[in-house]
Amino acid sequence: MFKHWVRQLARRFSLVFLAATICLFAGGAAHAAIDVNTADEAALTSVKGVGAATARNIIDERNKRGPYKDAADLAERVSGIGPKSVAKLQDAGLAIGPKGAAAAAPAKAAKAAPAAATKPAR
């Protein structure tokens, strides 16, 4: 009887643990920003709303005319994506233009700022 109770308890806790783990991984993936100017096709298709054909169109246009400056530039240059679609893609985790590149810049700037502040002014 005691063994049965222990097995049932272990099974319930393992299911709760599994559900919590899935929620953590799903939540982490939803908040990861994908930079449209550096992402490959697999990364672009991981954004909700971007299929394989759209990802190829984004990459082809980026290779032809260079990086995207902003959301309006992406909407104008890629067929099948309009301003409303771009807004939804940004909500789903797509980073465009300077905002995408600026995600890594604050960490570098924070390291460089204290060094510059310690130099005496002459």
PDB file of N, CA and C in Angstrom:
ATOM      1  N   MET A   1       0.819  -1.192   0.000  1.00  0.00           N
ATOM      2  CA  MET A   1       0.000   0.000   0.000  1.00  0.00           C
ATOM      3  C   MET A   1       0.871   1.268   0.000  1.00  0.00           C
ATOM      4  N   PHE A   2       1.901   1.242   0.850  1.00  0.00           N
ATOM      5  CA  PHE A   2       2.787   2.402   0.929  1.00  0.00           C
ATOM      6  C   PHE A   2       3.516   2.636  -0.398  1.00  0.00           C
ATOM      7  N   LYS A   3       3.948   1.558  -1.060  1.00  0.00           N
ATOM      8  CA  LYS A   3       4.641   1.670  -2.345  1.00  0.00           C
ATOM      9  C   LYS A   3       3.720   2.283  -3.402  1.00  0.00           C
ATOM     10  N   HIS A   4       2.489   1.877  -3.377  1.00  0.00           N
ATOM     11  CA  HIS A   4       1.522   2.422  -4.332  1.00  0.00           C
ATOM     12  C   HIS A   4       1.358   3.933  -4.123  1.00  0.00           C
ATOM     13  N   TRP A   5       1.251   4.356  -2.899  1.00  0.00           N
ATOM     14  CA  TRP A   5       1.106   5.779  -2.586  1.00  0.00           C
ATOM     15  C   TRP A   5       2.331   6.578  -3.047  1.00  0.00           C
ATOM     16  N   VAL A   6       3.526   6.017  -2.823  1.00  0.00           N
ATOM     17  CA  VAL A   6       4.766   6.684  -3.227  1.00  0.00           C
ATOM     18  C   VAL A   6       4.834   6.795  -4.750  1.00  0.00           C
ATOM     19  N   ARG A   7       4.472   5.748  -5.451  1.00  0.00           N
ATOM     20  CA  ARG A   7       4.472   5.790  -6.924  1.00  0.00           C
ATOM     21  C   ARG A   7       3.509   6.849  -7.447  1.00  0.00           C
ATOM     22  N   GLN A   8       2.327   6.920  -6.873  1.00  0.00           N
ATOM     23  CA  GLN A   8       1.348   7.916  -7.314  1.00  0.00           C
ATOM     24  C   GLN A   8       1.852   9.335  -7.061  1.00  0.00           C
ATOM     25  N   LEU A   9       2.451   9.547  -5.931  1.00  0.00           N
ATOM     26  CA  LEU A   9       2.999  10.856  -5.596  1.00  0.00           C
ATOM     27  C   LEU A   9       4.134  11.237  -6.550  1.00  0.00           C
ATOM     28  N   ALA A  10       5.031  10.298  -6.827  1.00  0.00           N
ATOM     29  CA  ALA A  10       6.148  10.540  -7.742  1.00  0.00           C
ATOM     30  C   ALA A  10       5.633  10.839  -9.147  1.00  0.00           C
ATOM     31  N   ARG A  11       4.620  10.123  -9.596  1.00  0.00           N
ATOM     32  CA  ARG A  11       4.058  10.335 -10.930  1.00  0.00           C
ATOM     33  C   ARG A  11       3.448  11.736 -11.045  1.00  0.00           C
ATOM     34  N   ARG A  12       2.744  12.174 -10.013  1.00  0.00           N
ATOM     35  CA  ARG A  12       2.128  13.502 -10.047  1.00  0.00           C
ATOM     36  C   ARG A  12       3.179  14.608 -10.056  1.00  0.00           C
ATOM     37  N   PHE A  13       4.210  14.447  -9.232  1.00  0.00           N
ATOM     38  CA  PHE A  13       5.254  15.460  -9.209  1.00  0.00           C
ATOM     39  C   PHE A  13       6.045  15.489 -10.515  1.00  0.00           C
ATOM     40  N   SER A  14       6.247  14.341 -11.138  1.00  0.00           N
ATOM     41  CA  SER A  14       6.983  14.328 -12.398  1.00  0.00           C
ATOM     42  C   SER A  14       6.173  15.009 -13.503  1.00  0.00           C
ATOM     43  N   LEU A  15       4.860  14.835 -13.484  1.00  0.00           N
ATOM     44  CA  LEU A  15       4.027  15.510 -14.471  1.00  0.00           C
ATOM     45  C   LEU A  15       4.035  17.018 -14.260  1.00  0.00           C
ATOM     46  N   VAL A  16       3.988  17.458 -13.007  1.00  0.00           N
ATOM     47  CA  VAL A  16       4.040  18.884 -12.709  1.00  0.00           C
ATOM     48  C   VAL A  16       5.388  19.461 -13.138  1.00  0.00           C
ATOM     49  N   PHE A  17       6.463  18.724 -12.853  1.00  0.00           N
ATOM     50  CA  PHE A  17       7.795  19.165 -13.239  1.00  0.00           C
ATOM     51  C   PHE A  17       7.905  19.265 -14.756  1.00  0.00           C
ATOM     52  N   LEU A  18       7.389  18.274 -15.475  1.00  0.00           N
ATOM     53  CA  LEU A  18       7.425  18.282 -16.935  1.00  0.00           C
ATOM     54  C   LEU A  18       6.649  19.471 -17.494  1.00  0.00           C
ATOM     55  N   ALA A  19       5.478  19.735 -16.959  1.00  0.00           N
ATOM     56  CA  ALA A  19       4.666  20.862 -17.433  1.00  0.00           C
ATOM     57  C   ALA A  19       5.370  22.186 -17.163  1.00  0.00           C
ATOM     58  N   ALA A  20       5.992  22.326 -15.997  1.00  0.00           N
ATOM     59  CA  ALA A  20       6.703  23.556 -15.670  1.00  0.00           C
ATOM     60  C   ALA A  20       7.905  23.751 -16.588  1.00  0.00           C
ATOM     61  N   THR A  21       8.616  22.691 -16.900  1.00  0.00           N
ATOM     62  CA  THR A  21       9.770  22.773 -17.794  1.00  0.00           C
ATOM     63  C   THR A  21       9.346  23.201 -19.190  1.00  0.00           C
ATOM     64  N   ILE A  22       8.273  22.635 -19.682  1.00  0.00           N
ATOM     65  CA  ILE A  22       7.777  23.001 -21.011  1.00  0.00           C
ATOM     66  C   ILE A  22       7.382  24.470 -21.047  1.00  0.00           C
ATOM     67  N   CYS A  23       6.722  24.936 -20.002  1.00  0.00           N
ATOM     68  CA  CYS A  23       6.329  26.347 -19.944  1.00  0.00           C
ATOM     69  C   CYS A  23       7.543  27.262 -19.918  1.00  0.00           C
ATOM     70  N   LEU A  24       8.572  26.892 -19.188  1.00  0.00           N
ATOM     71  CA  LEU A  24       9.780  27.711 -19.131  1.00  0.00           C
ATOM     72  C   LEU A  24      10.464  27.793 -20.492  1.00  0.00           C
ATOM     73  N   PHE A  25      10.600  26.645 -21.163  1.00  0.00           N
ATOM     74  CA  PHE A  25      11.246  26.656 -22.476  1.00  0.00           C
ATOM     75  C   PHE A  25      10.414  27.405 -23.500  1.00  0.00           C
ATOM     76  N   ALA A  26       9.115  27.232 -23.477  1.00  0.00           N
ATOM     77  CA  ALA A  26       8.248  27.930 -24.424  1.00  0.00           C
ATOM     78  C   ALA A  26       8.279  29.430 -24.173  1.00  0.00           C
ATOM     79  N   GLY A  27       8.276  29.839 -22.928  1.00  0.00           N
ATOM     80  CA  GLY A  27       8.329  31.261 -22.589  1.00  0.00           C
ATOM     81  C   GLY A  27       9.646  31.877 -22.986  1.00  0.00           C
ATOM     82  N   GLY A  28      10.747  31.165 -22.816  1.00  0.00           N
ATOM     83  CA  GLY A  28      12.064  31.682 -23.181  1.00  0.00           C
ATOM     84  C   GLY A  28      12.209  31.851 -24.674  1.00  0.00           C
ATOM     85  N   ALA A  29      11.664  30.933 -25.440  1.00  0.00           N
ATOM     86  CA  ALA A  29      11.772  31.024 -26.895  1.00  0.00           C
ATOM     87  C   ALA A  29      10.933  32.163 -27.443  1.00  0.00           C
ATOM     88  N   ALA A  30       9.822  32.458 -26.799  1.00  0.00           N
ATOM     89  CA  ALA A  30       8.940  33.508 -27.288  1.00  0.00           C
ATOM     90  C   ALA A  30       9.562  34.895 -27.117  1.00  0.00           C
ATOM     91  N   HIS A  31      10.463  35.044 -26.149  1.00  0.00           N
ATOM     92  CA  HIS A  31      11.023  36.352 -25.878  1.00  0.00           C
ATOM     93  C   HIS A  31      12.379  36.577 -26.541  1.00  0.00           C
ATOM     94  N   ALA A  32      12.913  35.562 -27.193  1.00  0.00           N
ATOM     95  CA  ALA A  32      14.203  35.722 -27.855  1.00  0.00           C
ATOM     96  C   ALA A  32      14.017  36.522 -29.129  1.00  0.00           C
ATOM     97  N   ALA A  33      14.746  37.614 -29.264  1.00  0.00           N
ATOM     98  CA  ALA A  33      14.623  38.453 -30.453  1.00  0.00           C
ATOM     99  C   ALA A  33      15.457  37.871 -31.587  1.00  0.00           C
ATOM    100  N   ILE A  34      14.879  37.835 -32.766  1.00  0.00           N
ATOM    101  CA  ILE A  34      15.553  37.371 -33.975  1.00  0.00           C
ATOM    102  C   ILE A  34      15.797  38.598 -34.835  1.00  0.00           C
ATOM    103  N   ASP A  35      17.071  38.899 -35.107  1.00  0.00           N
ATOM    104  CA  ASP A  35      17.419  40.066 -35.915  1.00  0.00           C
ATOM    105  C   ASP A  35      17.250  39.736 -37.393  1.00  0.00           C
ATOM    106  N   VAL A  36      16.396  40.469 -38.067  1.00  0.00           N
ATOM    107  CA  VAL A  36      16.091  40.215 -39.471  1.00  0.00           C
ATOM    108  C   VAL A  36      17.317  40.428 -40.368  1.00  0.00           C
ATOM    109  N   ASN A  37      18.273  41.218 -39.928  1.00  0.00           N
ATOM    110  CA  ASN A  37      19.443  41.514 -40.752  1.00  0.00           C
ATOM    111  C   ASN A  37      20.565  40.496 -40.615  1.00  0.00           C
ATOM    112  N   THR A  38      20.483  39.592 -39.641  1.00  0.00           N
ATOM    113  CA  THR A  38      21.537  38.599 -39.473  1.00  0.00           C
ATOM    114  C   THR A  38      21.026  37.168 -39.429  1.00  0.00           C
ATOM    115  N   ALA A  39      19.729  36.972 -39.298  1.00  0.00           N
ATOM    116  CA  ALA A  39      19.164  35.638 -39.118  1.00  0.00           C
ATOM    117  C   ALA A  39      19.183  34.829 -40.405  1.00  0.00           C
ATOM    118  N   ASP A  40      19.362  33.519 -40.245  1.00  0.00           N
ATOM    119  CA  ASP A  40      19.256  32.623 -41.385  1.00  0.00           C
ATOM    120  C   ASP A  40      17.803  32.163 -41.519  1.00  0.00           C
ATOM    121  N   GLU A  41      17.552  31.303 -42.521  1.00  0.00           N
ATOM    122  CA  GLU A  41      16.176  30.897 -42.802  1.00  0.00           C
ATOM    123  C   GLU A  41      15.551  30.156 -41.625  1.00  0.00           C
ATOM    124  N   ALA A  42      16.317  29.297 -40.971  1.00  0.00           N
ATOM    125  CA  ALA A  42      15.776  28.538 -39.844  1.00  0.00           C
ATOM    126  C   ALA A  42      15.376  29.468 -38.701  1.00  0.00           C
ATOM    127  N   ALA A  43      16.191  30.475 -38.421  1.00  0.00           N
ATOM    128  CA  ALA A  43      15.868  31.409 -37.345  1.00  0.00           C
ATOM    129  C   ALA A  43      14.639  32.234 -37.697  1.00  0.00           C
ATOM    130  N   LEU A  44      14.536  32.658 -38.939  1.00  0.00           N
ATOM    131  CA  LEU A  44      13.381  33.463 -39.349  1.00  0.00           C
ATOM    132  C   LEU A  44      12.082  32.656 -39.275  1.00  0.00           C
ATOM    133  N   THR A  45      12.143  31.392 -39.677  1.00  0.00           N
ATOM    134  CA  THR A  45      10.918  30.584 -39.636  1.00  0.00           C
ATOM    135  C   THR A  45      10.514  30.236 -38.204  1.00  0.00           C
ATOM    136  N   SER A  46      11.410  30.436 -37.244  1.00  0.00           N
ATOM    137  CA  SER A  46      11.030  30.194 -35.851  1.00  0.00           C
ATOM    138  C   SER A  46      10.148  31.304 -35.304  1.00  0.00           C
ATOM    139  N   VAL A  47      10.078  32.428 -35.999  1.00  0.00           N
ATOM    140  CA  VAL A  47       9.200  33.531 -35.591  1.00  0.00           C
ATOM    141  C   VAL A  47       7.786  33.209 -36.067  1.00  0.00           C
ATOM    142  N   LYS A  48       6.829  33.309 -35.158  1.00  0.00           N
ATOM    143  CA  LYS A  48       5.440  33.015 -35.502  1.00  0.00           C
ATOM    144  C   LYS A  48       4.972  33.979 -36.588  1.00  0.00           C
ATOM    145  N   GLY A  49       4.479  33.429 -37.699  1.00  0.00           N
ATOM    146  CA  GLY A  49       3.989  34.246 -38.797  1.00  0.00           C
ATOM    147  C   GLY A  49       4.933  34.277 -39.987  1.00  0.00           C
ATOM    148  N   VAL A  50       6.141  33.732 -39.843  1.00  0.00           N
ATOM    149  CA  VAL A  50       7.094  33.694 -40.947  1.00  0.00           C
ATOM    150  C   VAL A  50       7.226  32.254 -41.414  1.00  0.00           C
ATOM    151  N   GLY A  51       6.809  32.018 -42.658  1.00  0.00           N
ATOM    152  CA  GLY A  51       6.950  30.692 -43.243  1.00  0.00           C
ATOM    153  C   GLY A  51       8.245  30.593 -44.041  1.00  0.00           C
ATOM    154  N   ALA A  52       8.462  29.453 -44.647  1.00  0.00           N
ATOM    155  CA  ALA A  52       9.688  29.212 -45.402  1.00  0.00           C
ATOM    156  C   ALA A  52       9.804  30.159 -46.598  1.00  0.00           C
ATOM    157  N   ALA A  53       8.716  30.381 -47.317  1.00  0.00           N
ATOM    158  CA  ALA A  53       8.755  31.256 -48.489  1.00  0.00           C
ATOM    159  C   ALA A  53       9.037  32.707 -48.090  1.00  0.00           C
ATOM    160  N   THR A  54       8.403  33.167 -47.033  1.00  0.00           N
ATOM    161  CA  THR A  54       8.628  34.534 -46.560  1.00  0.00           C
ATOM    162  C   THR A  54      10.066  34.697 -46.080  1.00  0.00           C
ATOM    163  N   ALA A  55      10.580  33.706 -45.385  1.00  0.00           N
ATOM    164  CA  ALA A  55      11.964  33.767 -44.913  1.00  0.00           C
ATOM    165  C   ALA A  55      12.928  33.862 -46.097  1.00  0.00           C
ATOM    166  N   ARG A  56      12.666  33.086 -47.137  1.00  0.00           N
ATOM    167  CA  ARG A  56      13.532  33.152 -48.340  1.00  0.00           C
ATOM    168  C   ARG A  56      13.431  34.521 -48.993  1.00  0.00           C
ATOM    169  N   ASN A  57      12.216  35.085 -49.066  1.00  0.00           N
ATOM    170  CA  ASN A  57      12.053  36.420 -49.648  1.00  0.00           C
ATOM    171  C   ASN A  57      12.809  37.472 -48.846  1.00  0.00           C
ATOM    172  N   ILE A  58      12.759  37.375 -47.525  1.00  0.00           N
ATOM    173  CA  ILE A  58      13.465  38.324 -46.663  1.00  0.00           C
ATOM    174  C   ILE A  58      14.968  38.231 -46.902  1.00  0.00           C
ATOM    175  N   ILE A  59      15.488  37.016 -46.947  1.00  0.00           N
ATOM    176  CA  ILE A  59      16.933  36.824 -47.132  1.00  0.00           C
ATOM    177  C   ILE A  59      17.374  37.242 -48.523  1.00  0.00           C
ATOM    178  N   ASP A  60      16.599  36.883 -49.558  1.00  0.00           N
ATOM    179  CA  ASP A  60      16.956  37.265 -50.933  1.00  0.00           C
ATOM    180  C   ASP A  60      17.023  38.782 -51.084  1.00  0.00           C
ATOM    181  N   GLU A  61      16.024  39.475 -50.553  1.00  0.00           N
ATOM    182  CA  GLU A  61      15.992  40.932 -50.650  1.00  0.00           C
ATOM    183  C   GLU A  61      17.133  41.558 -49.844  1.00  0.00           C
ATOM    184  N   ARG A  62      17.427  41.010 -48.692  1.00  0.00           N
ATOM    185  CA  ARG A  62      18.541  41.505 -47.868  1.00  0.00           C
ATOM    186  C   ARG A  62      19.873  41.317 -48.592  1.00  0.00           C
ATOM    187  N   ASN A  63      20.033  40.183 -49.288  1.00  0.00           N
ATOM    188  CA  ASN A  63      21.269  39.940 -50.033  1.00  0.00           C
ATOM    189  C   ASN A  63      21.406  40.857 -51.246  1.00  0.00           C
ATOM    190  N   LYS A  64      20.277  41.215 -51.854  1.00  0.00           N
ATOM    191  CA  LYS A  64      20.304  42.092 -53.029  1.00  0.00           C
ATOM    192  C   LYS A  64      20.577  43.547 -52.669  1.00  0.00           C
ATOM    193  N   ARG A  65      19.860  44.063 -51.681  1.00  0.00           N
ATOM    194  CA  ARG A  65      19.898  45.505 -51.417  1.00  0.00           C
ATOM    195  C   ARG A  65      20.417  45.899 -50.039  1.00  0.00           C
ATOM    196  N   GLY A  66      20.939  44.956 -49.288  1.00  0.00           N
ATOM    197  CA  GLY A  66      21.523  45.286 -47.991  1.00  0.00           C
ATOM    198  C   GLY A  66      20.544  45.168 -46.838  1.00  0.00           C
ATOM    199  N   PRO A  67      21.022  45.504 -45.649  1.00  0.00           N
ATOM    200  CA  PRO A  67      20.195  45.336 -44.447  1.00  0.00           C
ATOM    201  C   PRO A  67      18.979  46.260 -44.430  1.00  0.00           C
ATOM    202  N   TYR A  68      17.991  45.845 -43.655  1.00  0.00           N
ATOM    203  CA  TYR A  68      16.770  46.630 -43.511  1.00  0.00           C
ATOM    204  C   TYR A  68      17.002  47.726 -42.476  1.00  0.00           C
ATOM    205  N   LYS A  69      16.555  48.932 -42.807  1.00  0.00           N
ATOM    206  CA  LYS A  69      16.765  50.082 -41.922  1.00  0.00           C
ATOM    207  C   LYS A  69      15.750  50.129 -40.791  1.00  0.00           C
ATOM    208  N   ASP A  70      14.500  49.810 -41.121  1.00  0.00           N
ATOM    209  CA  ASP A  70      13.436  49.880 -40.130  1.00  0.00           C
ATOM    210  C   ASP A  70      12.253  49.045 -40.598  1.00  0.00           C
ATOM    211  N   ALA A  71      11.170  49.079 -39.843  1.00  0.00           N
ATOM    212  CA  ALA A  71       9.988  48.281 -40.155  1.00  0.00           C
ATOM    213  C   ALA A  71       9.374  48.682 -41.490  1.00  0.00           C
ATOM    214  N   ALA A  72       9.340  49.980 -41.775  1.00  0.00           N
ATOM    215  CA  ALA A  72       8.766  50.448 -43.038  1.00  0.00           C
ATOM    216  C   ALA A  72       9.592  49.954 -44.228  1.00  0.00           C
ATOM    217  N   ASP A  73      10.902  49.910 -44.068  1.00  0.00           N
ATOM    218  CA  ASP A  73      11.787  49.420 -45.127  1.00  0.00           C
ATOM    219  C   ASP A  73      11.513  47.943 -45.401  1.00  0.00           C
ATOM    220  N   LEU A  74      11.336  47.148 -44.366  1.00  0.00           N
ATOM    221  CA  LEU A  74      11.023  45.731 -44.536  1.00  0.00           C
ATOM    222  C   LEU A  74       9.683  45.557 -45.238  1.00  0.00           C
ATOM    223  N   ALA A  75       8.672  46.304 -44.819  1.00  0.00           N
ATOM    224  CA  ALA A  75       7.345  46.197 -45.421  1.00  0.00           C
ATOM    225  C   ALA A  75       7.357  46.614 -46.888  1.00  0.00           C
ATOM    226  N   GLU A  76       8.170  47.599 -47.214  1.00  0.00           N
ATOM    227  CA  GLU A  76       8.230  48.094 -48.589  1.00  0.00           C
ATOM    228  C   GLU A  76       8.981  47.132 -49.515  1.00  0.00           C
ATOM    229  N   ARG A  77      10.043  46.531 -49.020  1.00  0.00           N
ATOM    230  CA  ARG A  77      10.916  45.737 -49.871  1.00  0.00           C
ATOM    231  C   ARG A  77      10.508  44.284 -50.046  1.00  0.00           C
ATOM    232  N   VAL A  78       9.819  43.698 -49.092  1.00  0.00           N
ATOM    233  CA  VAL A  78       9.477  42.276 -49.156  1.00  0.00           C
ATOM    234  C   VAL A  78       8.013  42.124 -49.530  1.00  0.00           C
ATOM    235  N   SER A  79       7.775  41.446 -50.659  1.00  0.00           N
ATOM    236  CA  SER A  79       6.393  41.250 -51.093  1.00  0.00           C
ATOM    237  C   SER A  79       5.693  40.287 -50.150  1.00  0.00           C
ATOM    238  N   GLY A  80       4.430  40.575 -49.860  1.00  0.00           N
ATOM    239  CA  GLY A  80       3.644  39.746 -48.967  1.00  0.00           C
ATOM    240  C   GLY A  80       3.696  40.191 -47.522  1.00  0.00           C
ATOM    241  N   ILE A  81       4.522  41.186 -47.219  1.00  0.00           N
ATOM    242  CA  ILE A  81       4.598  41.712 -45.858  1.00  0.00           C
ATOM    243  C   ILE A  81       4.226  43.182 -45.909  1.00  0.00           C
ATOM    244  N   GLY A  82       3.199  43.546 -45.162  1.00  0.00           N
ATOM    245  CA  GLY A  82       2.785  44.938 -45.071  1.00  0.00           C
ATOM    246  C   GLY A  82       3.053  45.494 -43.688  1.00  0.00           C
ATOM    247  N   PRO A  83       2.704  46.750 -43.459  1.00  0.00           N
ATOM    248  CA  PRO A  83       2.946  47.373 -42.152  1.00  0.00           C
ATOM    249  C   PRO A  83       2.288  46.630 -40.983  1.00  0.00           C
ATOM    250  N   LYS A  84       1.073  46.125 -41.184  1.00  0.00           N
ATOM    251  CA  LYS A  84       0.396  45.390 -40.119  1.00  0.00           C
ATOM    252  C   LYS A  84       1.110  44.072 -39.827  1.00  0.00           C
ATOM    253  N   SER A  85       1.549  43.399 -40.887  1.00  0.00           N
ATOM    254  CA  SER A  85       2.273  42.141 -40.711  1.00  0.00           C
ATOM    255  C   SER A  85       3.587  42.367 -39.979  1.00  0.00           C
ATOM    256  N   VAL A  86       4.279  43.442 -40.324  1.00  0.00           N
ATOM    257  CA  VAL A  86       5.554  43.743 -39.675  1.00  0.00           C
ATOM    258  C   VAL A  86       5.340  43.993 -38.181  1.00  0.00           C
ATOM    259  N   ALA A  87       4.274  44.699 -37.835  1.00  0.00           N
ATOM    260  CA  ALA A  87       3.988  44.960 -36.421  1.00  0.00           C
ATOM    261  C   ALA A  87       3.734  43.653 -35.670  1.00  0.00           C
ATOM    262  N   LYS A  88       3.012  42.726 -36.296  1.00  0.00           N
ATOM    263  CA  LYS A  88       2.751  41.430 -35.661  1.00  0.00           C
ATOM    264  C   LYS A  88       4.044  40.628 -35.525  1.00  0.00           C
ATOM    265  N   LEU A  89       4.892  40.694 -36.540  1.00  0.00           N
ATOM    266  CA  LEU A  89       6.158  39.962 -36.480  1.00  0.00           C
ATOM    267  C   LEU A  89       7.071  40.525 -35.391  1.00  0.00           C
ATOM    268  N   GLN A  90       7.045  41.840 -35.229  1.00  0.00           N
ATOM    269  CA  GLN A  90       7.847  42.448 -34.164  1.00  0.00           C
ATOM    270  C   GLN A  90       7.332  42.013 -32.787  1.00  0.00           C
ATOM    271  N   ASP A  91       6.016  41.921 -32.637  1.00  0.00           N
ATOM    272  CA  ASP A  91       5.444  41.438 -31.380  1.00  0.00           C
ATOM    273  C   ASP A  91       5.826  39.975 -31.123  1.00  0.00           C
ATOM    274  N   ALA A  92       6.016  39.213 -32.219  1.00  0.00           N
ATOM    275  CA  ALA A  92       6.377  37.805 -32.093  1.00  0.00           C
ATOM    276  C   ALA A  92       7.872  37.601 -31.868  1.00  0.00           C
ATOM    277  N   GLY A  93       8.670  38.686 -31.948  1.00  0.00           N
ATOM    278  CA  GLY A  93      10.092  38.550 -31.626  1.00  0.00           C
ATOM    279  C   GLY A  93      11.046  38.911 -32.738  1.00  0.00           C
ATOM    280  N   LEU A  94      10.581  39.493 -33.826  1.00  0.00           N
ATOM    281  CA  LEU A  94      11.460  39.889 -34.917  1.00  0.00           C
ATOM    282  C   LEU A  94      12.002  41.288 -34.656  1.00  0.00           C
ATOM    283  N   ALA A  95      13.309  41.433 -34.658  1.00  0.00           N
ATOM    284  CA  ALA A  95      13.952  42.733 -34.449  1.00  0.00           C
ATOM    285  C   ALA A  95      14.411  43.266 -35.806  1.00  0.00           C
ATOM    286  N   ILE A  96      14.145  44.558 -36.032  1.00  0.00           N
ATOM    287  CA  ILE A  96      14.433  45.161 -37.334  1.00  0.00           C
ATOM    288  C   ILE A  96      15.255  46.417 -37.153  1.00  0.00           C
ATOM    289  N   GLY A  97      16.253  46.588 -37.994  1.00  0.00           N
ATOM    290  CA  GLY A  97      17.022  47.827 -38.044  1.00  0.00           C
ATOM    291  C   GLY A  97      17.867  48.073 -36.817  1.00  0.00           C
ATOM    292  N   PRO A  98      18.042  49.338 -36.460  1.00  0.00           N
ATOM    293  CA  PRO A  98      18.930  49.698 -35.348  1.00  0.00           C
ATOM    294  C   PRO A  98      18.537  49.047 -34.024  1.00  0.00           C
ATOM    295  N   LYS A  99      17.253  48.794 -33.803  1.00  0.00           N
ATOM    296  CA  LYS A  99      16.826  48.155 -32.558  1.00  0.00           C
ATOM    297  C   LYS A  99      17.416  46.753 -32.458  1.00  0.00           C
ATOM    298  N   GLY A 100      17.481  46.039 -33.585  1.00  0.00           N
ATOM    299  CA  GLY A 100      18.049  44.696 -33.582  1.00  0.00           C
ATOM    300  C   GLY A 100      19.535  44.726 -33.302  1.00  0.00           C
ATOM    301  N   ALA A 101      20.252  45.665 -33.892  1.00  0.00           N
ATOM    302  CA  ALA A 101      21.689  45.778 -33.673  1.00  0.00           C
ATOM    303  C   ALA A 101      21.989  46.355 -32.306  1.00  0.00           C
ATOM    304  N   ALA A 102      21.091  47.163 -31.768  1.00  0.00           N
ATOM    305  CA  ALA A 102      21.317  47.819 -30.482  1.00  0.00           C
ATOM    306  C   ALA A 102      21.140  46.878 -29.307  1.00  0.00           C
ATOM    307  N   ALA A 103      20.593  45.702 -29.537  1.00  0.00           N
ATOM    308  CA  ALA A 103      20.392  44.765 -28.434  1.00  0.00           C
ATOM    309  C   ALA A 103      21.716  44.341 -27.810  1.00  0.00           C
ATOM    310  N   ALA A 104      22.751  44.177 -28.620  1.00  0.00           N
ATOM    311  CA  ALA A 104      24.060  43.782 -28.103  1.00  0.00           C
ATOM    312  C   ALA A 104      24.894  44.999 -27.716  1.00  0.00           C
ATOM    313  N   ALA A 105      24.586  46.151 -28.253  1.00  0.00           N
ATOM    314  CA  ALA A 105      25.378  47.353 -28.018  1.00  0.00           C
ATOM    315  C   ALA A 105      25.355  47.858 -26.575  1.00  0.00           C
ATOM    316  N   PRO A 106      24.246  47.817 -25.833  1.00  0.00           N
ATOM    317  CA  PRO A 106      24.272  48.340 -24.470  1.00  0.00           C
ATOM    318  C   PRO A 106      25.297  47.643 -23.573  1.00  0.00           C
ATOM    319  N   ALA A 107      25.484  46.355 -23.747  1.00  0.00           N
ATOM    320  CA  ALA A 107      26.453  45.645 -22.920  1.00  0.00           C
ATOM    321  C   ALA A 107      27.866  46.136 -23.220  1.00  0.00           C
ATOM    322  N   LYS A 108      28.183  46.339 -24.506  1.00  0.00           N
ATOM    323  CA  LYS A 108      29.502  46.833 -24.876  1.00  0.00           C
ATOM    324  C   LYS A 108      29.692  48.271 -24.401  1.00  0.00           C
ATOM    325  N   ALA A 109      28.644  49.079 -24.527  1.00  0.00           N
ATOM    326  CA  ALA A 109      28.732  50.480 -24.123  1.00  0.00           C
ATOM    327  C   ALA A 109      28.888  50.598 -22.606  1.00  0.00           C
ATOM    328  N   ALA A 110      28.234  49.719 -21.868  1.00  0.00           N
ATOM    329  CA  ALA A 110      28.331  49.765 -20.408  1.00  0.00           C
ATOM    330  C   ALA A 110      29.743  49.429 -19.945  1.00  0.00           C
ATOM    331  N   LYS A 111      30.413  48.521 -20.661  1.00  0.00           N
ATOM    332  CA  LYS A 111      31.789  48.180 -20.308  1.00  0.00           C
ATOM    333  C   LYS A 111      32.736  49.313 -20.659  1.00  0.00           C
ATOM    334  N   ALA A 112      32.485  49.997 -21.774  1.00  0.00           N
ATOM    335  CA  ALA A 112      33.368  51.072 -22.226  1.00  0.00           C
ATOM    336  C   ALA A 112      33.160  52.353 -21.431  1.00  0.00           C
ATOM    337  N   ALA A 113      31.985  52.605 -20.928  1.00  0.00           N
ATOM    338  CA  ALA A 113      31.673  53.853 -20.229  1.00  0.00           C
ATOM    339  C   ALA A 113      32.488  54.042 -18.953  1.00  0.00           C
ATOM    340  N   PRO A 114      32.654  53.045 -18.071  1.00  0.00           N
ATOM    341  CA  PRO A 114      33.443  53.279 -16.867  1.00  0.00           C
ATOM    342  C   PRO A 114      34.920  53.586 -17.170  1.00  0.00           C
ATOM    343  N   ALA A 115      35.461  52.976 -18.186  1.00  0.00           N
ATOM    344  CA  ALA A 115      36.852  53.219 -18.542  1.00  0.00           C
ATOM    345  C   ALA A 115      37.035  54.675 -18.996  1.00  0.00           C
ATOM    346  N   ALA A 116      36.075  55.173 -19.761  1.00  0.00           N
ATOM    347  CA  ALA A 116      36.157  56.550 -20.246  1.00  0.00           C
ATOM    348  C   ALA A 116      35.970  57.545 -19.089  1.00  0.00           C
ATOM    349  N   ALA A 117      35.176  57.182 -18.107  1.00  0.00           N
ATOM    350  CA  ALA A 117      34.888  58.091 -16.999  1.00  0.00           C
ATOM    351  C   ALA A 117      36.067  58.214 -16.041  1.00  0.00           C
ATOM    352  N   THR A 118      36.962  57.232 -16.016  1.00  0.00           N
ATOM    353  CA  THR A 118      38.079  57.289 -15.072  1.00  0.00           C
ATOM    354  C   THR A 118      39.246  58.115 -15.574  1.00  0.00           C
ATOM    355  N   LYS A 119      39.263  58.458 -16.851  1.00  0.00           N
ATOM    356  CA  LYS A 119      40.355  59.284 -17.378  1.00  0.00           C
ATOM    357  C   LYS A 119      40.210  60.710 -16.887  1.00  0.00           C
ATOM    358  N   PRO A 120      41.278  61.312 -16.376  1.00  0.00           N
ATOM    359  CA  PRO A 120      41.176  62.701 -15.915  1.00  0.00           C
ATOM    360  C   PRO A 120      41.070  63.683 -17.079  1.00  0.00           C
ATOM    361  N   ALA A 121      40.281  64.712 -16.900  1.00  0.00           N
ATOM    362  CA  ALA A 121      40.104  65.740 -17.929  1.00  0.00           C
ATOM    363  C   ALA A 121      41.262  66.720 -17.835  1.00  0.00           C
ATOM    364  N   ARG A 122      41.787  67.128 -18.978  1.00  0.00           N
ATOM    365  CA  ARG A 122      42.907  68.086 -18.995  1.00  0.00           C
ATOM    366  C   ARG A 122      42.549  69.353 -19.691  1.00  0.00           C
TER     367      ARG A 122
END
